[in-house]
Amino acid sequence: MDIKNYNAFCGELAHTAHVVQWGGSHVWKVAGKVFAIAGEDKDGSFRCSFKVSELAFDILKEQPGCRGAPHLASRGMKWIQRFSDEAVDNAALEDYLRESYRLVSLGLTKKLQRELGLNQS
């Protein structure tokens, strides 16, 4: 995956907004809450951080090409940074981005979730 494909994918999710901040990171939010952060390293390699469940965090942080997301995991947040596709290919990354979107949207007020038509079952 690259920044262009990442931005296109995240832009297809409902009620999202994109901003470039924090030194050039491409940040995606759902209803104002961050669910994905990506950018390129100095060598041009793609890296992407996303929220995960506690179990996924415990598994992914041990996988090659993944680590606890800098500045987030160190604060106890369950965020993973994928910096290579060794263990998480692009299809799996899309699944994790969808799940991050869902997890973050669950943190919105029930009223806002209803208004946006999110998590209705």
PDB file of N, CA and C in Angstrom:
ATOM      1  N   MET A   1       0.857  -1.173   0.000  1.00  0.00           N
ATOM      2  CA  MET A   1       0.000   0.000   0.000  1.00  0.00           C
ATOM      3  C   MET A   1       0.902   1.236   0.000  1.00  0.00           C
ATOM      4  N   ASP A   2       0.361   2.303  -0.513  1.00  0.00           N
ATOM      5  CA  ASP A   2       1.058   3.579  -0.481  1.00  0.00           C
ATOM      6  C   ASP A   2       0.071   4.651   0.000  1.00  0.00           C
ATOM      7  N   ILE A   3       0.546   5.877   0.139  1.00  0.00           N
ATOM      8  CA  ILE A   3      -0.301   6.961   0.657  1.00  0.00           C
ATOM      9  C   ILE A   3      -1.534   7.168  -0.217  1.00  0.00           C
ATOM     10  N   LYS A   4      -1.355   7.136  -1.521  1.00  0.00           N
ATOM     11  CA  LYS A   4      -2.487   7.354  -2.428  1.00  0.00           C
ATOM     12  C   LYS A   4      -3.579   6.303  -2.211  1.00  0.00           C
ATOM     13  N   ASN A   5      -3.204   5.031  -2.166  1.00  0.00           N
ATOM     14  CA  ASN A   5      -4.190   3.955  -1.966  1.00  0.00           C
ATOM     15  C   ASN A   5      -4.791   4.000  -0.570  1.00  0.00           C
ATOM     16  N   TYR A   6      -3.971   4.317   0.424  1.00  0.00           N
ATOM     17  CA  TYR A   6      -4.448   4.458   1.806  1.00  0.00           C
ATOM     18  C   TYR A   6      -5.514   5.552   1.883  1.00  0.00           C
ATOM     19  N   ASN A   7      -5.209   6.720   1.313  1.00  0.00           N
ATOM     20  CA  ASN A   7      -6.168   7.826   1.359  1.00  0.00           C
ATOM     21  C   ASN A   7      -7.449   7.482   0.608  1.00  0.00           C
ATOM     22  N   ALA A   8      -7.329   6.810  -0.527  1.00  0.00           N
ATOM     23  CA  ALA A   8      -8.514   6.417  -1.290  1.00  0.00           C
ATOM     24  C   ALA A   8      -9.367   5.437  -0.485  1.00  0.00           C
ATOM     25  N   PHE A   9      -8.725   4.457   0.141  1.00  0.00           N
ATOM     26  CA  PHE A   9      -9.460   3.469   0.932  1.00  0.00           C
ATOM     27  C   PHE A   9     -10.185   4.132   2.101  1.00  0.00           C
ATOM     28  N   CYS A  10      -9.468   4.910   2.900  1.00  0.00           N
ATOM     29  CA  CYS A  10     -10.082   5.552   4.074  1.00  0.00           C
ATOM     30  C   CYS A  10     -11.178   6.528   3.672  1.00  0.00           C
ATOM     31  N   GLY A  11     -11.006   7.176   2.525  1.00  0.00           N
ATOM     32  CA  GLY A  11     -12.008   8.124   2.045  1.00  0.00           C
ATOM     33  C   GLY A  11     -13.319   7.481   1.652  1.00  0.00           C
ATOM     34  N   GLU A  12     -13.317   6.177   1.416  1.00  0.00           N
ATOM     35  CA  GLU A  12     -14.544   5.461   1.062  1.00  0.00           C
ATOM     36  C   GLU A  12     -15.397   5.128   2.288  1.00  0.00           C
ATOM     37  N   LEU A  13     -14.839   5.225   3.475  1.00  0.00           N
ATOM     38  CA  LEU A  13     -15.597   4.928   4.690  1.00  0.00           C
ATOM     39  C   LEU A  13     -16.492   6.123   5.030  1.00  0.00           C
ATOM     40  N   ALA A  14     -17.683   5.846   5.521  1.00  0.00           N
ATOM     41  CA  ALA A  14     -18.685   6.888   5.774  1.00  0.00           C
ATOM     42  C   ALA A  14     -18.254   7.849   6.882  1.00  0.00           C
ATOM     43  N   HIS A  15     -18.575   9.122   6.668  1.00  0.00           N
ATOM     44  CA  HIS A  15     -18.394  10.172   7.680  1.00  0.00           C
ATOM     45  C   HIS A  15     -16.937  10.357   8.100  1.00  0.00           C
ATOM     46  N   THR A  16     -16.032  10.215   7.141  1.00  0.00           N
ATOM     47  CA  THR A  16     -14.617  10.395   7.453  1.00  0.00           C
ATOM     48  C   THR A  16     -14.126  11.745   6.956  1.00  0.00           C
ATOM     49  N   ALA A  17     -13.051  12.188   7.569  1.00  0.00           N
ATOM     50  CA  ALA A  17     -12.393  13.432   7.170  1.00  0.00           C
ATOM     51  C   ALA A  17     -10.891  13.198   7.196  1.00  0.00           C
ATOM     52  N   HIS A  18     -10.201  13.856   6.294  1.00  0.00           N
ATOM     53  CA  HIS A  18      -8.757  13.712   6.137  1.00  0.00           C
ATOM     54  C   HIS A  18      -8.079  15.038   6.449  1.00  0.00           C
ATOM     55  N   VAL A  19      -6.977  14.955   7.159  1.00  0.00           N
ATOM     56  CA  VAL A  19      -6.162  16.137   7.433  1.00  0.00           C
ATOM     57  C   VAL A  19      -4.700  15.701   7.435  1.00  0.00           C
ATOM     58  N   VAL A  20      -3.829  16.580   6.981  1.00  0.00           N
ATOM     59  CA  VAL A  20      -2.397  16.331   7.074  1.00  0.00           C
ATOM     60  C   VAL A  20      -1.898  17.165   8.241  1.00  0.00           C
ATOM     61  N   GLN A  21      -1.342  16.495   9.236  1.00  0.00           N
ATOM     62  CA  GLN A  21      -0.858  17.184  10.443  1.00  0.00           C
ATOM     63  C   GLN A  21       0.279  16.391  11.052  1.00  0.00           C
ATOM     64  N   TRP A  22       0.787  16.861  12.172  1.00  0.00           N
ATOM     65  CA  TRP A  22       1.849  16.176  12.907  1.00  0.00           C
ATOM     66  C   TRP A  22       3.048  15.864  12.013  1.00  0.00           C
ATOM     67  N   GLY A  23       3.549  16.872  11.336  1.00  0.00           N
ATOM     68  CA  GLY A  23       4.740  16.686  10.527  1.00  0.00           C
ATOM     69  C   GLY A  23       4.516  15.939   9.232  1.00  0.00           C
ATOM     70  N   GLY A  24       3.348  16.078   8.639  1.00  0.00           N
ATOM     71  CA  GLY A  24       3.087  15.465   7.341  1.00  0.00           C
ATOM     72  C   GLY A  24       2.360  14.142   7.379  1.00  0.00           C
ATOM     73  N   SER A  25       1.852  13.753   8.528  1.00  0.00           N
ATOM     74  CA  SER A  25       1.088  12.503   8.614  1.00  0.00           C
ATOM     75  C   SER A  25      -0.304  12.698   8.021  1.00  0.00           C
ATOM     76  N   HIS A  26      -0.767  11.685   7.317  1.00  0.00           N
ATOM     77  CA  HIS A  26      -2.117  11.681   6.760  1.00  0.00           C
ATOM     78  C   HIS A  26      -3.026  11.042   7.807  1.00  0.00           C
ATOM     79  N   VAL A  27      -3.867  11.872   8.408  1.00  0.00           N
ATOM     80  CA  VAL A  27      -4.709  11.462   9.531  1.00  0.00           C
ATOM     81  C   VAL A  27      -6.155  11.377   9.064  1.00  0.00           C
ATOM     82  N   TRP A  28      -6.774  10.228   9.350  1.00  0.00           N
ATOM     83  CA  TRP A  28      -8.184  10.024   9.020  1.00  0.00           C
ATOM     84  C   TRP A  28      -8.992   9.934  10.303  1.00  0.00           C
ATOM     85  N   LYS A  29     -10.146  10.611  10.267  1.00  0.00           N
ATOM     86  CA  LYS A  29     -11.017  10.677  11.439  1.00  0.00           C
ATOM     87  C   LYS A  29     -12.435  10.300  11.046  1.00  0.00           C
ATOM     88  N   VAL A  30     -13.142   9.719  12.010  1.00  0.00           N
ATOM     89  CA  VAL A  30     -14.577   9.488  11.865  1.00  0.00           C
ATOM     90  C   VAL A  30     -15.240  10.361  12.924  1.00  0.00           C
ATOM     91  N   ALA A  31     -16.107  11.254  12.470  1.00  0.00           N
ATOM     92  CA  ALA A  31     -16.792  12.197  13.360  1.00  0.00           C
ATOM     93  C   ALA A  31     -15.809  12.889  14.303  1.00  0.00           C
ATOM     94  N   GLY A  32     -14.650  13.267  13.774  1.00  0.00           N
ATOM     95  CA  GLY A  32     -13.671  14.021  14.548  1.00  0.00           C
ATOM     96  C   GLY A  32     -12.705  13.196  15.386  1.00  0.00           C
ATOM     97  N   LYS A  33     -12.857  11.875  15.398  1.00  0.00           N
ATOM     98  CA  LYS A  33     -11.992  10.991  16.196  1.00  0.00           C
ATOM     99  C   LYS A  33     -11.040  10.228  15.273  1.00  0.00           C
ATOM    100  N   VAL A  34      -9.758  10.241  15.600  1.00  0.00           N
ATOM    101  CA  VAL A  34      -8.732   9.614  14.769  1.00  0.00           C
ATOM    102  C   VAL A  34      -8.871   8.099  14.772  1.00  0.00           C
ATOM    103  N   PHE A  35      -8.851   7.505  13.562  1.00  0.00           N
ATOM    104  CA  PHE A  35      -8.840   6.042  13.459  1.00  0.00           C
ATOM    105  C   PHE A  35      -7.646   5.519  12.666  1.00  0.00           C
ATOM    106  N   ALA A  36      -6.938   6.384  11.943  1.00  0.00           N
ATOM    107  CA  ALA A  36      -5.777   5.928  11.170  1.00  0.00           C
ATOM    108  C   ALA A  36      -4.817   7.078  10.935  1.00  0.00           C
ATOM    109  N   ILE A  37      -3.535   6.762  10.985  1.00  0.00           N
ATOM    110  CA  ILE A  37      -2.470   7.737  10.760  1.00  0.00           C
ATOM    111  C   ILE A  37      -1.436   7.066   9.863  1.00  0.00           C
ATOM    112  N   ALA A  38      -1.040   7.729   8.787  1.00  0.00           N
ATOM    113  CA  ALA A  38      -0.045   7.130   7.897  1.00  0.00           C
ATOM    114  C   ALA A  38       0.890   8.190   7.340  1.00  0.00           C
ATOM    115  N   GLY A  39       2.021   7.716   6.870  1.00  0.00           N
ATOM    116  CA  GLY A  39       2.992   8.597   6.257  1.00  0.00           C
ATOM    117  C   GLY A  39       4.089   7.783   5.615  1.00  0.00           C
ATOM    118  N   GLU A  40       5.079   8.484   5.138  1.00  0.00           N
ATOM    119  CA  GLU A  40       6.227   7.829   4.527  1.00  0.00           C
ATOM    120  C   GLU A  40       7.475   8.180   5.322  1.00  0.00           C
ATOM    121  N   ASP A  41       8.342   7.194   5.491  1.00  0.00           N
ATOM    122  CA  ASP A  41       9.628   7.427   6.137  1.00  0.00           C
ATOM    123  C   ASP A  41      10.533   8.176   5.166  1.00  0.00           C
ATOM    124  N   LYS A  42      11.671   8.611   5.649  1.00  0.00           N
ATOM    125  CA  LYS A  42      12.614   9.352   4.808  1.00  0.00           C
ATOM    126  C   LYS A  42      13.023   8.561   3.568  1.00  0.00           C
ATOM    127  N   ASP A  43      13.026   7.245   3.666  1.00  0.00           N
ATOM    128  CA  ASP A  43      13.394   6.407   2.516  1.00  0.00           C
ATOM    129  C   ASP A  43      12.197   6.132   1.591  1.00  0.00           C
ATOM    130  N   GLY A  44      11.040   6.722   1.899  1.00  0.00           N
ATOM    131  CA  GLY A  44       9.852   6.554   1.066  1.00  0.00           C
ATOM    132  C   GLY A  44       8.982   5.371   1.420  1.00  0.00           C
ATOM    133  N   SER A  45       9.361   4.598   2.437  1.00  0.00           N
ATOM    134  CA  SER A  45       8.547   3.436   2.810  1.00  0.00           C
ATOM    135  C   SER A  45       7.299   3.876   3.578  1.00  0.00           C
ATOM    136  N   PHE A  46       6.207   3.192   3.317  1.00  0.00           N
ATOM    137  CA  PHE A  46       4.898   3.488   3.894  1.00  0.00           C
ATOM    138  C   PHE A  46       4.788   2.907   5.294  1.00  0.00           C
ATOM    139  N   ARG A  47       4.196   3.669   6.200  1.00  0.00           N
ATOM    140  CA  ARG A  47       3.892   3.190   7.548  1.00  0.00           C
ATOM    141  C   ARG A  47       2.481   3.652   7.893  1.00  0.00           C
ATOM    142  N   CYS A  48       1.786   2.845   8.687  1.00  0.00           N
ATOM    143  CA  CYS A  48       0.394   3.143   9.006  1.00  0.00           C
ATOM    144  C   CYS A  48       0.092   2.677  10.429  1.00  0.00           C
ATOM    145  N   SER A  49      -0.569   3.532  11.194  1.00  0.00           N
ATOM    146  CA  SER A  49      -0.969   3.194  12.562  1.00  0.00           C
ATOM    147  C   SER A  49      -2.485   3.152  12.653  1.00  0.00           C
ATOM    148  N   PHE A  50      -2.988   2.229  13.470  1.00  0.00           N
ATOM    149  CA  PHE A  50      -4.429   2.034  13.586  1.00  0.00           C
ATOM    150  C   PHE A  50      -4.744   1.423  14.945  1.00  0.00           C
ATOM    151  N   LYS A  51      -5.972   1.653  15.401  1.00  0.00           N
ATOM    152  CA  LYS A  51      -6.434   1.117  16.678  1.00  0.00           C
ATOM    153  C   LYS A  51      -6.835  -0.346  16.513  1.00  0.00           C
ATOM    154  N   VAL A  52      -6.551  -1.151  17.533  1.00  0.00           N
ATOM    155  CA  VAL A  52      -6.897  -2.577  17.499  1.00  0.00           C
ATOM    156  C   VAL A  52      -7.455  -3.008  18.856  1.00  0.00           C
ATOM    157  N   SER A  53      -8.014  -4.197  18.879  1.00  0.00           N
ATOM    158  CA  SER A  53      -8.475  -4.777  20.137  1.00  0.00           C
ATOM    159  C   SER A  53      -7.258  -5.138  20.988  1.00  0.00           C
ATOM    160  N   GLU A  54      -7.496  -5.423  22.238  1.00  0.00           N
ATOM    161  CA  GLU A  54      -6.404  -5.806  23.136  1.00  0.00           C
ATOM    162  C   GLU A  54      -5.719  -7.086  22.664  1.00  0.00           C
ATOM    163  N   LEU A  55      -6.502  -8.062  22.233  1.00  0.00           N
ATOM    164  CA  LEU A  55      -5.934  -9.323  21.751  1.00  0.00           C
ATOM    165  C   LEU A  55      -5.099  -9.100  20.482  1.00  0.00           C
ATOM    166  N   ALA A  56      -5.646  -8.343  19.531  1.00  0.00           N
ATOM    167  CA  ALA A  56      -4.909  -8.067  18.290  1.00  0.00           C
ATOM    168  C   ALA A  56      -3.615  -7.320  18.594  1.00  0.00           C
ATOM    169  N   PHE A  57      -3.657  -6.418  19.559  1.00  0.00           N
ATOM    170  CA  PHE A  57      -2.450  -5.678  19.936  1.00  0.00           C
ATOM    171  C   PHE A  57      -1.372  -6.641  20.445  1.00  0.00           C
ATOM    172  N   ASP A  58      -1.772  -7.532  21.331  1.00  0.00           N
ATOM    173  CA  ASP A  58      -0.812  -8.493  21.899  1.00  0.00           C
ATOM    174  C   ASP A  58      -0.195  -9.390  20.821  1.00  0.00           C
ATOM    175  N   ILE A  59      -0.975  -9.737  19.821  1.00  0.00           N
ATOM    176  CA  ILE A  59      -0.470 -10.588  18.739  1.00  0.00           C
ATOM    177  C   ILE A  59       0.372  -9.781  17.748  1.00  0.00           C
ATOM    178  N   LEU A  60      -0.183  -8.671  17.262  1.00  0.00           N
ATOM    179  CA  LEU A  60       0.481  -7.911  16.203  1.00  0.00           C
ATOM    180  C   LEU A  60       1.802  -7.274  16.627  1.00  0.00           C
ATOM    181  N   LYS A  61       1.896  -6.853  17.873  1.00  0.00           N
ATOM    182  CA  LYS A  61       3.134  -6.175  18.295  1.00  0.00           C
ATOM    183  C   LYS A  61       4.347  -7.105  18.224  1.00  0.00           C
ATOM    184  N   GLU A  62       4.090  -8.418  18.159  1.00  0.00           N
ATOM    185  CA  GLU A  62       5.171  -9.406  18.076  1.00  0.00           C
ATOM    186  C   GLU A  62       5.461  -9.852  16.642  1.00  0.00           C
ATOM    187  N   GLN A  63       4.668  -9.377  15.690  1.00  0.00           N
ATOM    188  CA  GLN A  63       4.824  -9.812  14.302  1.00  0.00           C
ATOM    189  C   GLN A  63       5.862  -8.962  13.570  1.00  0.00           C
ATOM    190  N   PRO A  64       6.604  -9.583  12.638  1.00  0.00           N
ATOM    191  CA  PRO A  64       7.562  -8.800  11.856  1.00  0.00           C
ATOM    192  C   PRO A  64       6.833  -7.749  11.023  1.00  0.00           C
ATOM    193  N   GLY A  65       7.369  -6.539  11.014  1.00  0.00           N
ATOM    194  CA  GLY A  65       6.767  -5.448  10.269  1.00  0.00           C
ATOM    195  C   GLY A  65       5.739  -4.664  11.051  1.00  0.00           C
ATOM    196  N   CYS A  66       5.528  -5.028  12.311  1.00  0.00           N
ATOM    197  CA  CYS A  66       4.564  -4.336  13.169  1.00  0.00           C
ATOM    198  C   CYS A  66       5.197  -4.024  14.525  1.00  0.00           C
ATOM    199  N   ARG A  67       4.669  -3.006  15.180  1.00  0.00           N
ATOM    200  CA  ARG A  67       5.094  -2.648  16.539  1.00  0.00           C
ATOM    201  C   ARG A  67       3.999  -1.789  17.160  1.00  0.00           C
ATOM    202  N   GLY A  68       4.086  -1.631  18.464  1.00  0.00           N
ATOM    203  CA  GLY A  68       3.187  -0.697  19.115  1.00  0.00           C
ATOM    204  C   GLY A  68       3.416   0.683  18.506  1.00  0.00           C
ATOM    205  N   ALA A  69       2.345   1.392  18.180  1.00  0.00           N
ATOM    206  CA  ALA A  69       2.476   2.689  17.514  1.00  0.00           C
ATOM    207  C   ALA A  69       3.179   3.693  18.421  1.00  0.00           C
ATOM    208  N   PRO A  70       4.243   4.310  17.917  1.00  0.00           N
ATOM    209  CA  PRO A  70       4.946   5.318  18.711  1.00  0.00           C
ATOM    210  C   PRO A  70       3.983   6.413  19.170  1.00  0.00           C
ATOM    211  N   HIS A  71       4.177   6.911  20.346  1.00  0.00           N
ATOM    212  CA  HIS A  71       3.403   8.000  20.966  1.00  0.00           C
ATOM    213  C   HIS A  71       1.995   7.581  21.382  1.00  0.00           C
ATOM    214  N   LEU A  72       1.513   6.439  20.950  1.00  0.00           N
ATOM    215  CA  LEU A  72       0.171   5.995  21.324  1.00  0.00           C
ATOM    216  C   LEU A  72       0.250   4.769  22.228  1.00  0.00           C
ATOM    217  N   ALA A  73       0.930   3.728  21.770  1.00  0.00           N
ATOM    218  CA  ALA A  73       1.055   2.508  22.571  1.00  0.00           C
ATOM    219  C   ALA A  73       1.816   2.789  23.862  1.00  0.00           C
ATOM    220  N   SER A  74       2.756   3.722  23.805  1.00  0.00           N
ATOM    221  CA  SER A  74       3.521   4.047  25.015  1.00  0.00           C
ATOM    222  C   SER A  74       2.640   4.701  26.088  1.00  0.00           C
ATOM    223  N   ARG A  75       1.477   5.173  25.686  1.00  0.00           N
ATOM    224  CA  ARG A  75       0.511   5.769  26.627  1.00  0.00           C
ATOM    225  C   ARG A  75      -0.576   4.780  27.028  1.00  0.00           C
ATOM    226  N   GLY A  76      -0.371   3.522  26.682  1.00  0.00           N
ATOM    227  CA  GLY A  76      -1.333   2.489  27.048  1.00  0.00           C
ATOM    228  C   GLY A  76      -2.451   2.287  26.053  1.00  0.00           C
ATOM    229  N   MET A  77      -2.415   3.027  24.946  1.00  0.00           N
ATOM    230  CA  MET A  77      -3.450   2.870  23.927  1.00  0.00           C
ATOM    231  C   MET A  77      -3.121   1.657  23.058  1.00  0.00           C
ATOM    232  N   LYS A  78      -4.136   0.984  22.588  1.00  0.00           N
ATOM    233  CA  LYS A  78      -3.953  -0.223  21.781  1.00  0.00           C
ATOM    234  C   LYS A  78      -3.918   0.158  20.299  1.00  0.00           C
ATOM    235  N   TRP A  79      -2.786   0.696  19.898  1.00  0.00           N
ATOM    236  CA  TRP A  79      -2.555   1.100  18.518  1.00  0.00           C
ATOM    237  C   TRP A  79      -1.304   0.386  18.009  1.00  0.00           C
ATOM    238  N   ILE A  80      -1.385  -0.084  16.774  1.00  0.00           N
ATOM    239  CA  ILE A  80      -0.275  -0.778  16.106  1.00  0.00           C
ATOM    240  C   ILE A  80       0.216   0.070  14.935  1.00  0.00           C
ATOM    241  N   GLN A  81       1.520   0.046  14.734  1.00  0.00           N
ATOM    242  CA  GLN A  81       2.071   0.641  13.517  1.00  0.00           C
ATOM    243  C   GLN A  81       2.577  -0.483  12.624  1.00  0.00           C
ATOM    244  N   ARG A  82       2.097  -0.513  11.406  1.00  0.00           N
ATOM    245  CA  ARG A  82       2.565  -1.482  10.408  1.00  0.00           C
ATOM    246  C   ARG A  82       3.554  -0.728   9.518  1.00  0.00           C
ATOM    247  N   PHE A  83       4.814  -1.154   9.531  1.00  0.00           N
ATOM    248  CA  PHE A  83       5.845  -0.471   8.760  1.00  0.00           C
ATOM    249  C   PHE A  83       6.387  -1.299   7.613  1.00  0.00           C
ATOM    250  N   SER A  84       5.947  -2.541   7.494  1.00  0.00           N
ATOM    251  CA  SER A  84       6.241  -3.364   6.314  1.00  0.00           C
ATOM    252  C   SER A  84       5.153  -4.426   6.202  1.00  0.00           C
ATOM    253  N   ASP A  85       5.087  -5.044   5.042  1.00  0.00           N
ATOM    254  CA  ASP A  85       4.014  -6.014   4.817  1.00  0.00           C
ATOM    255  C   ASP A  85       4.435  -7.455   5.100  1.00  0.00           C
ATOM    256  N   GLU A  86       5.457  -7.626   5.924  1.00  0.00           N
ATOM    257  CA  GLU A  86       5.942  -8.980   6.243  1.00  0.00           C
ATOM    258  C   GLU A  86       4.847  -9.865   6.832  1.00  0.00           C
ATOM    259  N   ALA A  87       4.100  -9.363   7.793  1.00  0.00           N
ATOM    260  CA  ALA A  87       3.071 -10.168   8.461  1.00  0.00           C
ATOM    261  C   ALA A  87       1.658  -9.696   8.141  1.00  0.00           C
ATOM    262  N   VAL A  88       1.526  -8.434   7.758  1.00  0.00           N
ATOM    263  CA  VAL A  88       0.210  -7.858   7.473  1.00  0.00           C
ATOM    264  C   VAL A  88       0.237  -7.333   6.037  1.00  0.00           C
ATOM    265  N   ASP A  89      -0.356  -8.111   5.116  1.00  0.00           N
ATOM    266  CA  ASP A  89      -0.378  -7.670   3.719  1.00  0.00           C
ATOM    267  C   ASP A  89      -1.430  -6.573   3.533  1.00  0.00           C
ATOM    268  N   ASN A  90      -1.542  -6.068   2.324  1.00  0.00           N
ATOM    269  CA  ASN A  90      -2.452  -4.951   2.084  1.00  0.00           C
ATOM    270  C   ASN A  90      -3.916  -5.298   2.338  1.00  0.00           C
ATOM    271  N   ALA A  91      -4.334  -6.501   1.990  1.00  0.00           N
ATOM    272  CA  ALA A  91      -5.723  -6.905   2.242  1.00  0.00           C
ATOM    273  C   ALA A  91      -5.994  -6.945   3.742  1.00  0.00           C
ATOM    274  N   ALA A  92      -5.060  -7.482   4.508  1.00  0.00           N
ATOM    275  CA  ALA A  92      -5.216  -7.529   5.966  1.00  0.00           C
ATOM    276  C   ALA A  92      -5.187  -6.113   6.546  1.00  0.00           C
ATOM    277  N   LEU A  93      -4.333  -5.245   6.000  1.00  0.00           N
ATOM    278  CA  LEU A  93      -4.288  -3.864   6.477  1.00  0.00           C
ATOM    279  C   LEU A  93      -5.637  -3.190   6.270  1.00  0.00           C
ATOM    280  N   GLU A  94      -6.265  -3.406   5.135  1.00  0.00           N
ATOM    281  CA  GLU A  94      -7.599  -2.841   4.906  1.00  0.00           C
ATOM    282  C   GLU A  94      -8.594  -3.347   5.949  1.00  0.00           C
ATOM    283  N   ASP A  95      -8.517  -4.636   6.281  1.00  0.00           N
ATOM    284  CA  ASP A  95      -9.392  -5.186   7.321  1.00  0.00           C
ATOM    285  C   ASP A  95      -9.133  -4.504   8.660  1.00  0.00           C
ATOM    286  N   TYR A  96      -7.862  -4.306   9.007  1.00  0.00           N
ATOM    287  CA  TYR A  96      -7.533  -3.641  10.272  1.00  0.00           C
ATOM    288  C   TYR A  96      -7.981  -2.178  10.266  1.00  0.00           C
ATOM    289  N   LEU A  97      -7.878  -1.510   9.138  1.00  0.00           N
ATOM    290  CA  LEU A  97      -8.348  -0.120   9.058  1.00  0.00           C
ATOM    291  C   LEU A  97      -9.863  -0.045   9.231  1.00  0.00           C
ATOM    292  N   ARG A  98     -10.592  -0.993   8.626  1.00  0.00           N
ATOM    293  CA  ARG A  98     -12.052  -1.044   8.822  1.00  0.00           C
ATOM    294  C   ARG A  98     -12.395  -1.281  10.293  1.00  0.00           C
ATOM    295  N   GLU A  99     -11.657  -2.180  10.923  1.00  0.00           N
ATOM    296  CA  GLU A  99     -11.911  -2.478  12.333  1.00  0.00           C
ATOM    297  C   GLU A  99     -11.554  -1.287  13.211  1.00  0.00           C
ATOM    298  N   SER A 100     -10.474  -0.592  12.901  1.00  0.00           N
ATOM    299  CA  SER A 100     -10.102   0.597  13.652  1.00  0.00           C
ATOM    300  C   SER A 100     -11.215   1.648  13.558  1.00  0.00           C
ATOM    301  N   TYR A 101     -11.721   1.843  12.352  1.00  0.00           N
ATOM    302  CA  TYR A 101     -12.839   2.755  12.119  1.00  0.00           C
ATOM    303  C   TYR A 101     -14.031   2.369  13.006  1.00  0.00           C
ATOM    304  N   ARG A 102     -14.348   1.075  13.028  1.00  0.00           N
ATOM    305  CA  ARG A 102     -15.472   0.588  13.832  1.00  0.00           C
ATOM    306  C   ARG A 102     -15.218   0.806  15.326  1.00  0.00           C
ATOM    307  N   LEU A 103     -14.026   0.435  15.787  1.00  0.00           N
ATOM    308  CA  LEU A 103     -13.697   0.588  17.212  1.00  0.00           C
ATOM    309  C   LEU A 103     -13.778   2.047  17.643  1.00  0.00           C
ATOM    310  N   VAL A 104     -13.250   2.931  16.830  1.00  0.00           N
ATOM    311  CA  VAL A 104     -13.279   4.360  17.169  1.00  0.00           C
ATOM    312  C   VAL A 104     -14.719   4.871  17.133  1.00  0.00           C
ATOM    313  N   SER A 105     -15.497   4.444  16.144  1.00  0.00           N
ATOM    314  CA  SER A 105     -16.888   4.914  16.057  1.00  0.00           C
ATOM    315  C   SER A 105     -17.725   4.433  17.245  1.00  0.00           C
ATOM    316  N   LEU A 106     -17.353   3.290  17.829  1.00  0.00           N
ATOM    317  CA  LEU A 106     -18.065   2.815  19.019  1.00  0.00           C
ATOM    318  C   LEU A 106     -17.851   3.737  20.219  1.00  0.00           C
ATOM    319  N   GLY A 107     -16.802   4.540  20.176  1.00  0.00           N
ATOM    320  CA  GLY A 107     -16.528   5.498  21.247  1.00  0.00           C
ATOM    321  C   GLY A 107     -17.323   6.788  21.129  1.00  0.00           C
ATOM    322  N   LEU A 108     -18.027   6.954  20.016  1.00  0.00           N
ATOM    323  CA  LEU A 108     -18.879   8.134  19.848  1.00  0.00           C
ATOM    324  C   LEU A 108     -20.126   7.967  20.711  1.00  0.00           C
ATOM    325  N   THR A 109     -20.778   9.056  21.007  1.00  0.00           N
ATOM    326  CA  THR A 109     -22.011   8.954  21.785  1.00  0.00           C
ATOM    327  C   THR A 109     -23.030   8.126  21.010  1.00  0.00           C
ATOM    328  N   LYS A 110     -23.902   7.460  21.723  1.00  0.00           N
ATOM    329  CA  LYS A 110     -24.952   6.657  21.078  1.00  0.00           C
ATOM    330  C   LYS A 110     -25.810   7.543  20.170  1.00  0.00           C
ATOM    331  N   LYS A 111     -26.079   8.754  20.639  1.00  0.00           N
ATOM    332  CA  LYS A 111     -26.880   9.693  19.850  1.00  0.00           C
ATOM    333  C   LYS A 111     -26.186   9.993  18.515  1.00  0.00           C
ATOM    334  N   LEU A 112     -24.902  10.291  18.549  1.00  0.00           N
ATOM    335  CA  LEU A 112     -24.168  10.598  17.327  1.00  0.00           C
ATOM    336  C   LEU A 112     -24.072   9.369  16.425  1.00  0.00           C
ATOM    337  N   GLN A 113     -23.872   8.208  17.020  1.00  0.00           N
ATOM    338  CA  GLN A 113     -23.854   6.976  16.219  1.00  0.00           C
ATOM    339  C   GLN A 113     -25.183   6.806  15.478  1.00  0.00           C
ATOM    340  N   ARG A 114     -26.295   7.050  16.168  1.00  0.00           N
ATOM    341  CA  ARG A 114     -27.615   6.946  15.535  1.00  0.00           C
ATOM    342  C   ARG A 114     -27.760   7.970  14.413  1.00  0.00           C
ATOM    343  N   GLU A 115     -27.362   9.203  14.702  1.00  0.00           N
ATOM    344  CA  GLU A 115     -27.491  10.281  13.696  1.00  0.00           C
ATOM    345  C   GLU A 115     -26.705   9.970  12.437  1.00  0.00           C
ATOM    346  N   LEU A 116     -25.546   9.342  12.610  1.00  0.00           N
ATOM    347  CA  LEU A 116     -24.679   9.021  11.473  1.00  0.00           C
ATOM    348  C   LEU A 116     -24.987   7.654  10.861  1.00  0.00           C
ATOM    349  N   GLY A 117     -25.861   6.889  11.498  1.00  0.00           N
ATOM    350  CA  GLY A 117     -26.194   5.558  11.005  1.00  0.00           C
ATOM    351  C   GLY A 117     -25.068   4.557  11.180  1.00  0.00           C
ATOM    352  N   LEU A 118     -24.273   4.735  12.217  1.00  0.00           N
ATOM    353  CA  LEU A 118     -23.143   3.848  12.483  1.00  0.00           C
ATOM    354  C   LEU A 118     -23.515   2.820  13.550  1.00  0.00           C
ATOM    355  N   ASN A 119     -22.998   1.615  13.389  1.00  0.00           N
ATOM    356  CA  ASN A 119     -23.114   0.549  14.392  1.00  0.00           C
ATOM    357  C   ASN A 119     -24.571   0.229  14.740  1.00  0.00           C
ATOM    358  N   GLN A 120     -25.441   0.341  13.763  1.00  0.00           N
ATOM    359  CA  GLN A 120     -26.857   0.034  13.969  1.00  0.00           C
ATOM    360  C   GLN A 120     -27.088  -1.424  13.619  1.00  0.00           C
ATOM    361  N   SER A 121     -27.574  -2.195  14.563  1.00  0.00           N
ATOM    362  CA  SER A 121     -27.879  -3.603  14.253  1.00  0.00           C
ATOM    363  C   SER A 121     -29.113  -4.061  14.985  1.00  0.00           C
TER     364      SER A 121
END
